[in-house]
ModelCIF file with pLDDT and N, C-alpha, C, O atoms, coordinates in Angstrom:
data_MODEL
#
_entry.id   MODEL 
#
_entity.id                         1 
_entity.type                       polymer 
_entity.pdbx_number_of_molecules   1 
#
_entity_poly.entity_id                      1 
_entity_poly.type                           'polypeptide(L)' 
_entity_poly.nstd_linkage                   no 
_entity_poly.nstd_monomer                   no 
_entity_poly.pdbx_seq_one_letter_code       YGFTSGHYANYFNTMLDHNGEAVRSKGFITDDLTDKAIGFIEKNKEK 
_entity_poly.pdbx_seq_one_letter_code_can   YGFTSGHYANYFNTMLDHNGEAVRSKGFITDDLTDKAIGFIEKNKEK 
_entity_poly.pdbx_strand_id                 A 
#
loop_
_entity_poly_seq.entity_id 
_entity_poly_seq.num 
_entity_poly_seq.mon_id 
_entity_poly_seq.hetero 
1 1  TYR n 
1 2  GLY n 
1 3  PHE n 
1 4  THR n 
1 5  SER n 
1 6  GLY n 
1 7  HIS n 
1 8  TYR n 
1 9  ALA n 
1 10 ASN n 
1 11 TYR n 
1 12 PHE n 
1 13 ASN n 
1 14 THR n 
1 15 MET n 
1 16 LEU n 
1 17 ASP n 
1 18 HIS n 
1 19 ASN n 
1 20 GLY n 
1 21 GLU n 
1 22 ALA n 
1 23 VAL n 
1 24 ARG n 
1 25 SER n 
1 26 LYS n 
1 27 GLY n 
1 28 PHE n 
1 29 ILE n 
1 30 THR n 
1 31 ASP n 
1 32 ASP n 
1 33 LEU n 
1 34 THR n 
1 35 ASP n 
1 36 LYS n 
1 37 ALA n 
1 38 ILE n 
1 39 GLY n 
1 40 PHE n 
1 41 ILE n 
1 42 GLU n 
1 43 LYS n 
1 44 ASN n 
1 45 LYS n 
1 46 GLU n 
1 47 LYS n 
#
_struct_asym.id          A 
_struct_asym.entity_id   1 
#
loop_
_ma_qa_metric.id 
_ma_qa_metric.mode 
_ma_qa_metric.name 
_ma_qa_metric.software_group_id 
_ma_qa_metric.type 
1 global pLDDT . pLDDT 
2 local  pLDDT . pLDDT 
#
_ma_qa_metric_global.metric_id      1 
_ma_qa_metric_global.metric_value   96.19 
_ma_qa_metric_global.model_id       1 
_ma_qa_metric_global.ordinal_id     1 
#
loop_
_ma_qa_metric_local.label_asym_id 
_ma_qa_metric_local.label_comp_id 
_ma_qa_metric_local.label_seq_id 
_ma_qa_metric_local.metric_id 
_ma_qa_metric_local.metric_value 
_ma_qa_metric_local.model_id 
_ma_qa_metric_local.ordinal_id 
A TYR 1  2 98.00 1 1  
A GLY 2  2 98.00 1 2  
A PHE 3  2 97.00 1 3  
A THR 4  2 95.00 1 4  
A SER 5  2 90.00 1 5  
A GLY 6  2 86.00 1 6  
A HIS 7  2 83.00 1 7  
A TYR 8  2 91.00 1 8  
A ALA 9  2 93.00 1 9  
A ASN 10 2 95.00 1 10 
A TYR 11 2 97.00 1 11 
A PHE 12 2 97.00 1 12 
A ASN 13 2 96.00 1 13 
A THR 14 2 95.00 1 14 
A MET 15 2 95.00 1 15 
A LEU 16 2 96.00 1 16 
A ASP 17 2 97.00 1 17 
A HIS 18 2 98.00 1 18 
A ASN 19 2 98.00 1 19 
A GLY 20 2 96.00 1 20 
A GLU 21 2 95.00 1 21 
A ALA 22 2 95.00 1 22 
A VAL 23 2 97.00 1 23 
A ARG 24 2 96.00 1 24 
A SER 25 2 97.00 1 25 
A LYS 26 2 97.00 1 26 
A GLY 27 2 97.00 1 27 
A PHE 28 2 98.00 1 28 
A ILE 29 2 98.00 1 29 
A THR 30 2 98.00 1 30 
A ASP 31 2 98.00 1 31 
A ASP 32 2 98.00 1 32 
A LEU 33 2 98.00 1 33 
A THR 34 2 98.00 1 34 
A ASP 35 2 98.00 1 35 
A LYS 36 2 98.00 1 36 
A ALA 37 2 98.00 1 37 
A ILE 38 2 98.00 1 38 
A GLY 39 2 98.00 1 39 
A PHE 40 2 98.00 1 40 
A ILE 41 2 98.00 1 41 
A GLU 42 2 98.00 1 42 
A LYS 43 2 98.00 1 43 
A ASN 44 2 98.00 1 44 
A LYS 45 2 97.00 1 45 
A GLU 46 2 96.00 1 46 
A LYS 47 2 97.00 1 47 
#
loop_
_atom_site.group_PDB 
_atom_site.id 
_atom_site.type_symbol 
_atom_site.label_atom_id 
_atom_site.label_alt_id 
_atom_site.label_comp_id 
_atom_site.label_asym_id 
_atom_site.label_entity_id 
_atom_site.label_seq_id 
_atom_site.pdbx_PDB_ins_code 
_atom_site.Cartn_x 
_atom_site.Cartn_y 
_atom_site.Cartn_z 
_atom_site.occupancy 
_atom_site.B_iso_or_equiv 
_atom_site.pdbx_formal_charge 
_atom_site.auth_seq_id 
_atom_site.auth_comp_id 
_atom_site.auth_asym_id 
_atom_site.auth_atom_id 
_atom_site.pdbx_PDB_model_num 
ATOM 1   N N  . TYR A 1 1  ? -7.763  -12.757 -14.173 1.00 98.00 ? 1  TYR A N  1 
ATOM 2   C CA . TYR A 1 1  ? -6.920  -11.667 -14.079 1.00 98.00 ? 1  TYR A CA 1 
ATOM 3   C C  . TYR A 1 1  ? -7.998  -10.371 -13.946 1.00 98.00 ? 1  TYR A C  1 
ATOM 4   O O  . TYR A 1 1  ? -8.627  -10.034 -14.950 1.00 98.00 ? 1  TYR A O  1 
ATOM 5   N N  . GLY A 1 2  ? -8.210  -9.562  -12.487 1.00 98.00 ? 2  GLY A N  1 
ATOM 6   C CA . GLY A 1 2  ? -8.798  -8.864  -12.385 1.00 98.00 ? 2  GLY A CA 1 
ATOM 7   C C  . GLY A 1 2  ? -9.144  -8.495  -10.972 1.00 98.00 ? 2  GLY A C  1 
ATOM 8   O O  . GLY A 1 2  ? -8.306  -8.569  -10.073 1.00 98.00 ? 2  GLY A O  1 
ATOM 9   N N  . PHE A 1 3  ? -10.649 -8.011  -10.734 1.00 97.00 ? 3  PHE A N  1 
ATOM 10  C CA . PHE A 1 3  ? -11.200 -7.982  -9.126  1.00 97.00 ? 3  PHE A CA 1 
ATOM 11  C C  . PHE A 1 3  ? -12.377 -8.386  -9.573  1.00 97.00 ? 3  PHE A C  1 
ATOM 12  O O  . PHE A 1 3  ? -12.907 -8.411  -10.684 1.00 97.00 ? 3  PHE A O  1 
ATOM 13  N N  . THR A 1 4  ? -12.797 -8.809  -8.130  1.00 95.00 ? 4  THR A N  1 
ATOM 14  C CA . THR A 1 4  ? -13.826 -9.813  -8.025  1.00 95.00 ? 4  THR A CA 1 
ATOM 15  C C  . THR A 1 4  ? -15.556 -8.765  -7.291  1.00 95.00 ? 4  THR A C  1 
ATOM 16  O O  . THR A 1 4  ? -16.733 -9.113  -7.196  1.00 95.00 ? 4  THR A O  1 
ATOM 17  N N  . SER A 1 5  ? -15.015 -7.803  -7.029  1.00 90.00 ? 5  SER A N  1 
ATOM 18  C CA . SER A 1 5  ? -16.173 -7.245  -6.294  1.00 90.00 ? 5  SER A CA 1 
ATOM 19  C C  . SER A 1 5  ? -16.788 -6.014  -7.410  1.00 90.00 ? 5  SER A C  1 
ATOM 20  O O  . SER A 1 5  ? -16.635 -6.043  -8.631  1.00 90.00 ? 5  SER A O  1 
ATOM 21  N N  . GLY A 1 6  ? -17.457 -5.034  -6.685  1.00 86.00 ? 6  GLY A N  1 
ATOM 22  C CA . GLY A 1 6  ? -18.075 -4.208  -7.858  1.00 86.00 ? 6  GLY A CA 1 
ATOM 23  C C  . GLY A 1 6  ? -17.412 -2.976  -7.550  1.00 86.00 ? 6  GLY A C  1 
ATOM 24  O O  . GLY A 1 6  ? -16.218 -3.166  -7.779  1.00 86.00 ? 6  GLY A O  1 
ATOM 25  N N  . HIS A 1 7  ? -17.582 -1.913  -7.182  1.00 83.00 ? 7  HIS A N  1 
ATOM 26  C CA . HIS A 1 7  ? -17.006 -0.378  -7.183  1.00 83.00 ? 7  HIS A CA 1 
ATOM 27  C C  . HIS A 1 7  ? -15.486 -0.845  -6.593  1.00 83.00 ? 7  HIS A C  1 
ATOM 28  O O  . HIS A 1 7  ? -15.312 -1.569  -5.613  1.00 83.00 ? 7  HIS A O  1 
ATOM 29  N N  . TYR A 1 8  ? -14.474 -0.266  -7.410  1.00 91.00 ? 8  TYR A N  1 
ATOM 30  C CA . TYR A 1 8  ? -13.150 -0.326  -6.922  1.00 91.00 ? 8  TYR A CA 1 
ATOM 31  C C  . TYR A 1 8  ? -12.532 1.106   -6.850  1.00 91.00 ? 8  TYR A C  1 
ATOM 32  O O  . TYR A 1 8  ? -12.815 2.090   -7.533  1.00 91.00 ? 8  TYR A O  1 
ATOM 33  N N  . ALA A 1 9  ? -11.545 0.961   -5.772  1.00 93.00 ? 9  ALA A N  1 
ATOM 34  C CA . ALA A 1 9  ? -11.046 2.155   -5.378  1.00 93.00 ? 9  ALA A CA 1 
ATOM 35  C C  . ALA A 1 9  ? -9.868  3.061   -6.260  1.00 93.00 ? 9  ALA A C  1 
ATOM 36  O O  . ALA A 1 9  ? -9.514  4.140   -5.785  1.00 93.00 ? 9  ALA A O  1 
ATOM 37  N N  . ASN A 1 10 ? -9.330  2.626   -7.440  1.00 95.00 ? 10 ASN A N  1 
ATOM 38  C CA . ASN A 1 10 ? -8.110  2.844   -7.865  1.00 95.00 ? 10 ASN A CA 1 
ATOM 39  C C  . ASN A 1 10 ? -8.036  2.476   -9.439  1.00 95.00 ? 10 ASN A C  1 
ATOM 40  O O  . ASN A 1 10 ? -8.236  1.284   -9.677  1.00 95.00 ? 10 ASN A O  1 
ATOM 41  N N  . TYR A 1 11 ? -7.822  3.171   -10.364 1.00 97.00 ? 11 TYR A N  1 
ATOM 42  C CA . TYR A 1 11 ? -7.704  2.562   -11.823 1.00 97.00 ? 11 TYR A CA 1 
ATOM 43  C C  . TYR A 1 11 ? -6.373  2.354   -12.314 1.00 97.00 ? 11 TYR A C  1 
ATOM 44  O O  . TYR A 1 11 ? -6.294  1.681   -13.341 1.00 97.00 ? 11 TYR A O  1 
ATOM 45  N N  . PHE A 1 12 ? -5.260  2.802   -11.785 1.00 97.00 ? 12 PHE A N  1 
ATOM 46  C CA . PHE A 1 12 ? -3.971  2.939   -11.880 1.00 97.00 ? 12 PHE A CA 1 
ATOM 47  C C  . PHE A 1 12 ? -3.161  2.072   -10.730 1.00 97.00 ? 12 PHE A C  1 
ATOM 48  O O  . PHE A 1 12 ? -3.440  2.048   -9.531  1.00 97.00 ? 12 PHE A O  1 
ATOM 49  N N  . ASN A 1 13 ? -2.103  1.377   -11.384 1.00 96.00 ? 13 ASN A N  1 
ATOM 50  C CA . ASN A 1 13 ? -1.349  0.758   -10.766 1.00 96.00 ? 13 ASN A CA 1 
ATOM 51  C C  . ASN A 1 13 ? -1.626  0.268   -9.450  1.00 96.00 ? 13 ASN A C  1 
ATOM 52  O O  . ASN A 1 13 ? -0.981  0.528   -8.435  1.00 96.00 ? 13 ASN A O  1 
ATOM 53  N N  . THR A 1 14 ? -2.940  -0.680  -9.579  1.00 95.00 ? 14 THR A N  1 
ATOM 54  C CA . THR A 1 14 ? -3.520  -0.925  -8.251  1.00 95.00 ? 14 THR A CA 1 
ATOM 55  C C  . THR A 1 14 ? -3.568  -2.468  -8.284  1.00 95.00 ? 14 THR A C  1 
ATOM 56  O O  . THR A 1 14 ? -3.192  -3.228  -9.176  1.00 95.00 ? 14 THR A O  1 
ATOM 57  N N  . MET A 1 15 ? -4.357  -2.849  -6.593  1.00 95.00 ? 15 MET A N  1 
ATOM 58  C CA . MET A 1 15 ? -3.700  -4.304  -6.700  1.00 95.00 ? 15 MET A CA 1 
ATOM 59  C C  . MET A 1 15 ? -5.633  -5.257  -7.180  1.00 95.00 ? 15 MET A C  1 
ATOM 60  O O  . MET A 1 15 ? -6.826  -5.111  -6.916  1.00 95.00 ? 15 MET A O  1 
ATOM 61  N N  . LEU A 1 16 ? -4.845  -6.048  -7.883  1.00 96.00 ? 16 LEU A N  1 
ATOM 62  C CA . LEU A 1 16 ? -5.727  -7.246  -8.459  1.00 96.00 ? 16 LEU A CA 1 
ATOM 63  C C  . LEU A 1 16 ? -5.422  -8.261  -8.208  1.00 96.00 ? 16 LEU A C  1 
ATOM 64  O O  . LEU A 1 16 ? -4.380  -8.488  -7.593  1.00 96.00 ? 16 LEU A O  1 
ATOM 65  N N  . ASP A 1 17 ? -6.448  -9.416  -8.709  1.00 97.00 ? 17 ASP A N  1 
ATOM 66  C CA . ASP A 1 17 ? -6.486  -10.977 -8.362  1.00 97.00 ? 17 ASP A CA 1 
ATOM 67  C C  . ASP A 1 17 ? -6.041  -11.655 -9.682  1.00 97.00 ? 17 ASP A C  1 
ATOM 68  O O  . ASP A 1 17 ? -6.524  -11.387 -10.782 1.00 97.00 ? 17 ASP A O  1 
ATOM 69  N N  . HIS A 1 18 ? -5.172  -12.465 -9.473  1.00 98.00 ? 18 HIS A N  1 
ATOM 70  C CA . HIS A 1 18 ? -4.389  -13.220 -10.732 1.00 98.00 ? 18 HIS A CA 1 
ATOM 71  C C  . HIS A 1 18 ? -4.673  -14.660 -9.878  1.00 98.00 ? 18 HIS A C  1 
ATOM 72  O O  . HIS A 1 18 ? -4.176  -15.041 -8.818  1.00 98.00 ? 18 HIS A O  1 
ATOM 73  N N  . ASN A 1 19 ? -5.782  -15.375 -10.861 1.00 98.00 ? 19 ASN A N  1 
ATOM 74  C CA . ASN A 1 19 ? -5.629  -16.949 -10.018 1.00 98.00 ? 19 ASN A CA 1 
ATOM 75  C C  . ASN A 1 19 ? -5.749  -16.988 -8.669  1.00 98.00 ? 19 ASN A C  1 
ATOM 76  O O  . ASN A 1 19 ? -5.356  -18.040 -8.165  1.00 98.00 ? 19 ASN A O  1 
ATOM 77  N N  . GLY A 1 20 ? -6.356  -15.802 -7.604  1.00 96.00 ? 20 GLY A N  1 
ATOM 78  C CA . GLY A 1 20 ? -6.281  -15.746 -6.563  1.00 96.00 ? 20 GLY A CA 1 
ATOM 79  C C  . GLY A 1 20 ? -5.446  -15.480 -5.531  1.00 96.00 ? 20 GLY A C  1 
ATOM 80  O O  . GLY A 1 20 ? -5.706  -15.501 -4.328  1.00 96.00 ? 20 GLY A O  1 
ATOM 81  N N  . GLU A 1 21 ? -3.978  -15.118 -6.318  1.00 95.00 ? 21 GLU A N  1 
ATOM 82  C CA . GLU A 1 21 ? -2.998  -14.642 -5.718  1.00 95.00 ? 21 GLU A CA 1 
ATOM 83  C C  . GLU A 1 21 ? -3.069  -12.651 -5.630  1.00 95.00 ? 21 GLU A C  1 
ATOM 84  O O  . GLU A 1 21 ? -3.836  -12.136 -6.444  1.00 95.00 ? 21 GLU A O  1 
ATOM 85  N N  . ALA A 1 22 ? -2.433  -11.869 -4.853  1.00 95.00 ? 22 ALA A N  1 
ATOM 86  C CA . ALA A 1 22 ? -2.714  -10.609 -5.251  1.00 95.00 ? 22 ALA A CA 1 
ATOM 87  C C  . ALA A 1 22 ? -1.755  -10.181 -5.704  1.00 95.00 ? 22 ALA A C  1 
ATOM 88  O O  . ALA A 1 22 ? -0.653  -10.386 -5.194  1.00 95.00 ? 22 ALA A O  1 
ATOM 89  N N  . VAL A 1 23 ? -1.930  -9.491  -6.754  1.00 97.00 ? 23 VAL A N  1 
ATOM 90  C CA . VAL A 1 23 ? -0.723  -8.764  -7.676  1.00 97.00 ? 23 VAL A CA 1 
ATOM 91  C C  . VAL A 1 23 ? -0.996  -7.464  -7.807  1.00 97.00 ? 23 VAL A C  1 
ATOM 92  O O  . VAL A 1 23 ? -2.132  -7.061  -7.559  1.00 97.00 ? 23 VAL A O  1 
ATOM 93  N N  . ARG A 1 24 ? 0.124   -6.503  -8.266  1.00 96.00 ? 24 ARG A N  1 
ATOM 94  C CA . ARG A 1 24 ? -0.182  -5.067  -8.871  1.00 96.00 ? 24 ARG A CA 1 
ATOM 95  C C  . ARG A 1 24 ? -0.255  -5.171  -10.304 1.00 96.00 ? 24 ARG A C  1 
ATOM 96  O O  . ARG A 1 24 ? 0.479   -5.851  -11.020 1.00 96.00 ? 24 ARG A O  1 
ATOM 97  N N  . SER A 1 25 ? -1.199  -4.441  -10.650 1.00 97.00 ? 25 SER A N  1 
ATOM 98  C CA . SER A 1 25 ? -1.222  -4.029  -11.962 1.00 97.00 ? 25 SER A CA 1 
ATOM 99  C C  . SER A 1 25 ? -0.506  -3.145  -12.491 1.00 97.00 ? 25 SER A C  1 
ATOM 100 O O  . SER A 1 25 ? -0.093  -2.321  -11.674 1.00 97.00 ? 25 SER A O  1 
ATOM 101 N N  . LYS A 1 26 ? -0.142  -2.959  -13.696 1.00 97.00 ? 26 LYS A N  1 
ATOM 102 C CA . LYS A 1 26 ? 0.498   -1.718  -14.299 1.00 97.00 ? 26 LYS A CA 1 
ATOM 103 C C  . LYS A 1 26 ? 0.285   -0.710  -15.305 1.00 97.00 ? 26 LYS A C  1 
ATOM 104 O O  . LYS A 1 26 ? 0.310   -1.056  -16.487 1.00 97.00 ? 26 LYS A O  1 
ATOM 105 N N  . GLY A 1 27 ? 0.064   0.584   -14.968 1.00 97.00 ? 27 GLY A N  1 
ATOM 106 C CA . GLY A 1 27 ? -0.773  1.532   -15.645 1.00 97.00 ? 27 GLY A CA 1 
ATOM 107 C C  . GLY A 1 27 ? -1.907  1.401   -15.600 1.00 97.00 ? 27 GLY A C  1 
ATOM 108 O O  . GLY A 1 27 ? -2.418  0.672   -14.749 1.00 97.00 ? 27 GLY A O  1 
ATOM 109 N N  . PHE A 1 28 ? -2.596  2.045   -16.469 1.00 98.00 ? 28 PHE A N  1 
ATOM 110 C CA . PHE A 1 28 ? -3.993  2.306   -16.433 1.00 98.00 ? 28 PHE A CA 1 
ATOM 111 C C  . PHE A 1 28 ? -4.816  1.139   -16.852 1.00 98.00 ? 28 PHE A C  1 
ATOM 112 O O  . PHE A 1 28 ? -4.598  0.612   -17.943 1.00 98.00 ? 28 PHE A O  1 
ATOM 113 N N  . ILE A 1 29 ? -5.917  0.622   -15.914 1.00 98.00 ? 29 ILE A N  1 
ATOM 114 C CA . ILE A 1 29 ? -6.483  -0.507  -15.796 1.00 98.00 ? 29 ILE A CA 1 
ATOM 115 C C  . ILE A 1 29 ? -6.813  -1.109  -16.804 1.00 98.00 ? 29 ILE A C  1 
ATOM 116 O O  . ILE A 1 29 ? -6.315  -2.233  -16.860 1.00 98.00 ? 29 ILE A O  1 
ATOM 117 N N  . THR A 1 30 ? -7.611  -0.770  -17.846 1.00 98.00 ? 30 THR A N  1 
ATOM 118 C CA . THR A 1 30 ? -8.116  -0.809  -19.184 1.00 98.00 ? 30 THR A CA 1 
ATOM 119 C C  . THR A 1 30 ? -6.976  -1.505  -20.098 1.00 98.00 ? 30 THR A C  1 
ATOM 120 O O  . THR A 1 30 ? -7.078  -2.579  -20.691 1.00 98.00 ? 30 THR A O  1 
ATOM 121 N N  . ASP A 1 31 ? -5.746  -0.536  -20.062 1.00 98.00 ? 31 ASP A N  1 
ATOM 122 C CA . ASP A 1 31 ? -4.685  -1.213  -20.714 1.00 98.00 ? 31 ASP A CA 1 
ATOM 123 C C  . ASP A 1 31 ? -4.230  -2.134  -20.330 1.00 98.00 ? 31 ASP A C  1 
ATOM 124 O O  . ASP A 1 31 ? -3.963  -3.042  -21.117 1.00 98.00 ? 31 ASP A O  1 
ATOM 125 N N  . ASP A 1 32 ? -3.963  -2.254  -18.939 1.00 98.00 ? 32 ASP A N  1 
ATOM 126 C CA . ASP A 1 32 ? -3.469  -3.484  -18.256 1.00 98.00 ? 32 ASP A CA 1 
ATOM 127 C C  . ASP A 1 32 ? -4.455  -4.792  -19.013 1.00 98.00 ? 32 ASP A C  1 
ATOM 128 O O  . ASP A 1 32 ? -4.081  -5.689  -19.769 1.00 98.00 ? 32 ASP A O  1 
ATOM 129 N N  . LEU A 1 33 ? -5.775  -4.499  -18.497 1.00 98.00 ? 33 LEU A N  1 
ATOM 130 C CA . LEU A 1 33 ? -6.617  -5.715  -18.622 1.00 98.00 ? 33 LEU A CA 1 
ATOM 131 C C  . LEU A 1 33 ? -6.455  -6.488  -20.248 1.00 98.00 ? 33 LEU A C  1 
ATOM 132 O O  . LEU A 1 33 ? -6.782  -7.636  -20.550 1.00 98.00 ? 33 LEU A O  1 
ATOM 133 N N  . THR A 1 34 ? -5.932  -5.583  -20.994 1.00 98.00 ? 34 THR A N  1 
ATOM 134 C CA . THR A 1 34 ? -6.423  -5.752  -22.400 1.00 98.00 ? 34 THR A CA 1 
ATOM 135 C C  . THR A 1 34 ? -4.807  -6.741  -22.696 1.00 98.00 ? 34 THR A C  1 
ATOM 136 O O  . THR A 1 34 ? -4.792  -7.891  -23.134 1.00 98.00 ? 34 THR A O  1 
ATOM 137 N N  . ASP A 1 35 ? -3.653  -5.974  -22.345 1.00 98.00 ? 35 ASP A N  1 
ATOM 138 C CA . ASP A 1 35 ? -2.350  -6.567  -22.162 1.00 98.00 ? 35 ASP A CA 1 
ATOM 139 C C  . ASP A 1 35 ? -2.530  -8.227  -22.087 1.00 98.00 ? 35 ASP A C  1 
ATOM 140 O O  . ASP A 1 35 ? -2.140  -9.070  -22.895 1.00 98.00 ? 35 ASP A O  1 
ATOM 141 N N  . LYS A 1 36 ? -3.370  -8.425  -20.641 1.00 98.00 ? 36 LYS A N  1 
ATOM 142 C CA . LYS A 1 36 ? -3.345  -9.846  -20.418 1.00 98.00 ? 36 LYS A CA 1 
ATOM 143 C C  . LYS A 1 36 ? -4.320  -10.693 -21.256 1.00 98.00 ? 36 LYS A C  1 
ATOM 144 O O  . LYS A 1 36 ? -4.261  -11.902 -21.479 1.00 98.00 ? 36 LYS A O  1 
ATOM 145 N N  . ALA A 1 37 ? -5.261  -9.764  -21.685 1.00 98.00 ? 37 ALA A N  1 
ATOM 146 C CA . ALA A 1 37 ? -6.080  -10.809 -22.647 1.00 98.00 ? 37 ALA A CA 1 
ATOM 147 C C  . ALA A 1 37 ? -5.459  -11.226 -23.697 1.00 98.00 ? 37 ALA A C  1 
ATOM 148 O O  . ALA A 1 37 ? -5.442  -12.424 -23.980 1.00 98.00 ? 37 ALA A O  1 
ATOM 149 N N  . ILE A 1 38 ? -4.770  -10.169 -24.538 1.00 98.00 ? 38 ILE A N  1 
ATOM 150 C CA . ILE A 1 38 ? -4.000  -10.518 -25.575 1.00 98.00 ? 38 ILE A CA 1 
ATOM 151 C C  . ILE A 1 38 ? -2.809  -11.481 -25.471 1.00 98.00 ? 38 ILE A C  1 
ATOM 152 O O  . ILE A 1 38 ? -2.248  -12.000 -26.436 1.00 98.00 ? 38 ILE A O  1 
ATOM 153 N N  . GLY A 1 39 ? -2.473  -11.665 -24.085 1.00 98.00 ? 39 GLY A N  1 
ATOM 154 C CA . GLY A 1 39 ? -1.137  -12.636 -23.789 1.00 98.00 ? 39 GLY A CA 1 
ATOM 155 C C  . GLY A 1 39 ? -1.943  -14.057 -23.907 1.00 98.00 ? 39 GLY A C  1 
ATOM 156 O O  . GLY A 1 39 ? -1.370  -15.077 -24.290 1.00 98.00 ? 39 GLY A O  1 
ATOM 157 N N  . PHE A 1 40 ? -3.325  -14.029 -23.542 1.00 98.00 ? 40 PHE A N  1 
ATOM 158 C CA . PHE A 1 40 ? -3.909  -15.372 -23.348 1.00 98.00 ? 40 PHE A CA 1 
ATOM 159 C C  . PHE A 1 40 ? -4.388  -15.657 -24.592 1.00 98.00 ? 40 PHE A C  1 
ATOM 160 O O  . PHE A 1 40 ? -4.746  -16.832 -24.668 1.00 98.00 ? 40 PHE A O  1 
ATOM 161 N N  . ILE A 1 41 ? -4.516  -15.103 -25.484 1.00 98.00 ? 41 ILE A N  1 
ATOM 162 C CA . ILE A 1 41 ? -4.827  -14.978 -26.851 1.00 98.00 ? 41 ILE A CA 1 
ATOM 163 C C  . ILE A 1 41 ? -3.926  -15.555 -27.278 1.00 98.00 ? 41 ILE A C  1 
ATOM 164 O O  . ILE A 1 41 ? -4.135  -16.644 -27.811 1.00 98.00 ? 41 ILE A O  1 
ATOM 165 N N  . GLU A 1 42 ? -2.690  -15.063 -27.201 1.00 98.00 ? 42 GLU A N  1 
ATOM 166 C CA . GLU A 1 42 ? -1.468  -15.448 -28.023 1.00 98.00 ? 42 GLU A CA 1 
ATOM 167 C C  . GLU A 1 42 ? -1.079  -16.779 -27.709 1.00 98.00 ? 42 GLU A C  1 
ATOM 168 O O  . GLU A 1 42 ? -0.832  -17.584 -28.608 1.00 98.00 ? 42 GLU A O  1 
ATOM 169 N N  . LYS A 1 43 ? -0.960  -17.248 -25.786 1.00 98.00 ? 43 LYS A N  1 
ATOM 170 C CA . LYS A 1 43 ? -0.656  -18.338 -25.544 1.00 98.00 ? 43 LYS A CA 1 
ATOM 171 C C  . LYS A 1 43 ? -1.878  -19.581 -26.134 1.00 98.00 ? 43 LYS A C  1 
ATOM 172 O O  . LYS A 1 43 ? -1.622  -20.785 -26.121 1.00 98.00 ? 43 LYS A O  1 
ATOM 173 N N  . ASN A 1 44 ? -2.908  -19.134 -26.519 1.00 98.00 ? 44 ASN A N  1 
ATOM 174 C CA . ASN A 1 44 ? -4.089  -20.097 -26.638 1.00 98.00 ? 44 ASN A CA 1 
ATOM 175 C C  . ASN A 1 44 ? -4.182  -20.373 -28.481 1.00 98.00 ? 44 ASN A C  1 
ATOM 176 O O  . ASN A 1 44 ? -4.866  -21.227 -29.047 1.00 98.00 ? 44 ASN A O  1 
ATOM 177 N N  . LYS A 1 45 ? -3.490  -19.604 -28.961 1.00 97.00 ? 45 LYS A N  1 
ATOM 178 C CA . LYS A 1 45 ? -3.904  -19.360 -30.495 1.00 97.00 ? 45 LYS A CA 1 
ATOM 179 C C  . LYS A 1 45 ? -3.879  -20.735 -31.621 1.00 97.00 ? 45 LYS A C  1 
ATOM 180 O O  . LYS A 1 45 ? -4.187  -20.759 -32.813 1.00 97.00 ? 45 LYS A O  1 
ATOM 181 N N  . GLU A 1 46 ? -3.342  -21.926 -30.641 1.00 96.00 ? 46 GLU A N  1 
ATOM 182 C CA . GLU A 1 46 ? -3.495  -23.187 -31.827 1.00 96.00 ? 46 GLU A CA 1 
ATOM 183 C C  . GLU A 1 46 ? -4.524  -24.230 -31.119 1.00 96.00 ? 46 GLU A C  1 
ATOM 184 O O  . GLU A 1 46 ? -4.695  -25.410 -31.425 1.00 96.00 ? 46 GLU A O  1 
ATOM 185 N N  . LYS A 1 47 ? -5.336  -23.286 -29.821 1.00 97.00 ? 47 LYS A N  1 
ATOM 186 C CA . LYS A 1 47 ? -6.593  -24.122 -29.944 1.00 97.00 ? 47 LYS A CA 1 
ATOM 187 C C  . LYS A 1 47 ? -7.516  -23.262 -29.612 1.00 97.00 ? 47 LYS A C  1 
ATOM 188 O O  . LYS A 1 47 ? -8.700  -23.600 -29.600 1.00 97.00 ? 47 LYS A O  1 
#
């Protein structure tokens, strides 16, 4: 979940890549990336 290039245009409510599909982020990008990382940790806490 994120973007694959270098310079990016916008850090609020921008278009990102989720497993190859275009999705719109929510809020400020660093907060949003952290939300998704925490969700991943919660989902995989047993392994």
